[in-house]
Protein backbone atom coordinates (compact mmCIF):
# COMPACT_ATOMS: atom_id res chain seq x y z
CA MET A 1 -85.93 49.71 -63.36
CA GLU A 2 -84.32 47.10 -65.58
CA ILE A 3 -80.53 46.55 -65.42
CA ILE A 4 -79.11 45.41 -68.76
CA ILE A 5 -75.64 44.01 -69.34
CA ASP A 6 -75.40 42.94 -72.97
CA PRO A 7 -73.43 39.66 -73.04
CA THR A 8 -71.64 40.74 -76.24
CA LYS A 9 -70.27 43.75 -74.34
CA ILE A 10 -68.34 41.20 -72.27
CA THR A 11 -67.59 38.47 -74.82
CA HIS A 12 -66.82 40.72 -77.82
CA TYR A 13 -65.41 43.80 -76.08
CA LEU A 14 -64.14 43.49 -72.51
CA LEU A 15 -62.55 40.04 -72.81
CA VAL A 16 -61.11 40.51 -76.31
CA PRO A 17 -57.55 41.90 -76.62
CA LYS A 18 -57.43 45.27 -78.39
CA GLU A 19 -54.65 47.56 -79.58
CA LYS A 20 -56.25 50.57 -77.86
CA ASN A 21 -58.13 50.73 -74.56
CA ASP A 22 -57.53 47.03 -73.88
CA LYS A 23 -59.44 45.84 -70.84
CA SER A 24 -58.92 42.12 -71.34
CA LYS A 25 -55.41 42.13 -69.87
CA PHE A 26 -56.36 43.21 -66.35
CA LEU A 27 -59.56 41.13 -66.45
CA TYR A 28 -57.58 37.99 -67.38
CA LYS A 29 -55.20 38.72 -64.47
CA LEU A 30 -58.24 38.74 -62.19
CA GLY A 31 -59.26 35.31 -63.53
CA TYR A 32 -62.01 36.32 -65.98
CA ASN A 33 -61.97 34.83 -69.47
CA LEU A 34 -64.34 33.80 -72.26
CA GLU A 35 -65.05 30.48 -70.55
CA ASN A 36 -66.33 32.11 -67.34
CA TRP A 37 -67.68 35.39 -68.77
CA GLN A 38 -70.97 34.93 -66.88
CA GLU A 39 -69.04 35.30 -63.64
CA LEU A 40 -67.81 38.71 -64.80
CA GLU A 41 -71.37 39.67 -65.75
CA ASN A 42 -72.62 38.66 -62.29
CA ASP A 43 -69.81 40.57 -60.57
CA ILE A 44 -70.57 43.72 -62.61
CA ARG A 45 -74.26 43.41 -61.70
CA LYS A 46 -73.30 43.03 -58.03
CA ILE A 47 -71.28 46.28 -58.22
CA VAL A 48 -74.26 48.30 -59.47
CA LEU A 49 -76.66 46.74 -56.98
CA GLU A 50 -74.44 47.18 -53.91
CA ASN A 51 -72.69 50.53 -54.44
CA GLU A 52 -73.51 54.21 -54.78
CA VAL A 53 -74.66 55.35 -58.22
CA VAL A 54 -73.21 58.81 -59.03
CA PHE A 55 -74.52 61.06 -61.81
CA GLN A 56 -71.76 62.16 -64.22
CA LYS A 57 -73.40 64.07 -67.07
CA ASN A 58 -76.19 64.12 -69.59
CA ALA A 59 -75.50 61.82 -72.51
CA PRO A 60 -75.17 63.42 -75.96
CA PHE A 61 -78.36 61.57 -76.85
CA ASP A 62 -81.41 60.73 -74.76
CA GLY A 63 -80.12 59.61 -71.39
CA LYS A 64 -77.80 60.26 -68.45
CA LEU A 65 -74.41 58.76 -67.66
CA PHE A 66 -73.57 57.44 -64.20
CA GLU A 67 -70.55 55.83 -62.60
CA VAL A 68 -70.50 53.17 -59.93
CA LYS A 69 -67.28 52.27 -58.12
CA GLY A 70 -66.80 48.79 -56.76
CA GLN A 71 -64.53 45.75 -56.56
CA LEU A 72 -63.87 43.00 -59.06
CA ARG A 73 -62.15 40.41 -56.91
CA ASN A 74 -59.19 42.36 -55.47
CA LEU A 75 -59.22 45.33 -57.88
CA GLY A 76 -61.15 48.56 -57.56
CA VAL A 77 -63.01 49.43 -60.76
CA ILE A 78 -65.27 52.14 -62.09
CA THR A 79 -68.27 51.03 -64.10
CA ILE A 80 -70.12 53.38 -66.46
CA TRP A 81 -73.88 53.12 -67.00
CA LEU A 82 -76.46 54.81 -69.22
CA LEU A 83 -79.88 55.55 -67.78
CA LEU A 84 -82.63 55.67 -70.39
CA GLU A 85 -86.21 56.76 -69.71
CA ASN A 86 -89.35 55.20 -71.25
CA PRO A 87 -88.93 52.45 -70.33
CA THR A 88 -86.49 53.01 -67.50
CA ILE A 89 -83.39 51.02 -68.36
CA PHE A 90 -79.96 51.12 -66.71
CA ARG A 91 -77.53 49.85 -69.36
CA PHE A 92 -73.89 48.86 -68.73
CA ILE A 93 -71.45 50.75 -70.97
CA THR A 94 -67.91 49.90 -69.80
CA LEU A 95 -65.51 49.54 -66.90
CA PHE A 96 -61.89 50.37 -66.13
CA PRO A 97 -59.51 50.15 -63.17
CA ASP A 98 -60.02 52.78 -60.47
CA LYS A 99 -56.64 54.50 -60.31
CA SER A 100 -57.73 56.94 -57.60
CA ASN A 101 -56.76 54.39 -54.91
CA GLU A 102 -53.20 53.85 -56.13
């Protein structure tokens, strides 16, 4: 299985301030920014490789959605992934803080 994290998902989405659903604020507090975005990519990849992958639901198109909980530095996060068949690809969708531990 191939794990894909599109770099633009990080550099044009996660680390860019937005009016709604802004993720850059908590990522900047953790020390991630556009200059070290590869570190965030590596840490996201580490989460999916080292933690339990849990099925969530079938995607509205061809695929299945999964969540993987893990740590980015000192913060618990939930990452969302799309599993596609033919070829088998596990694609990163997004992440957000895990508020279940608060």
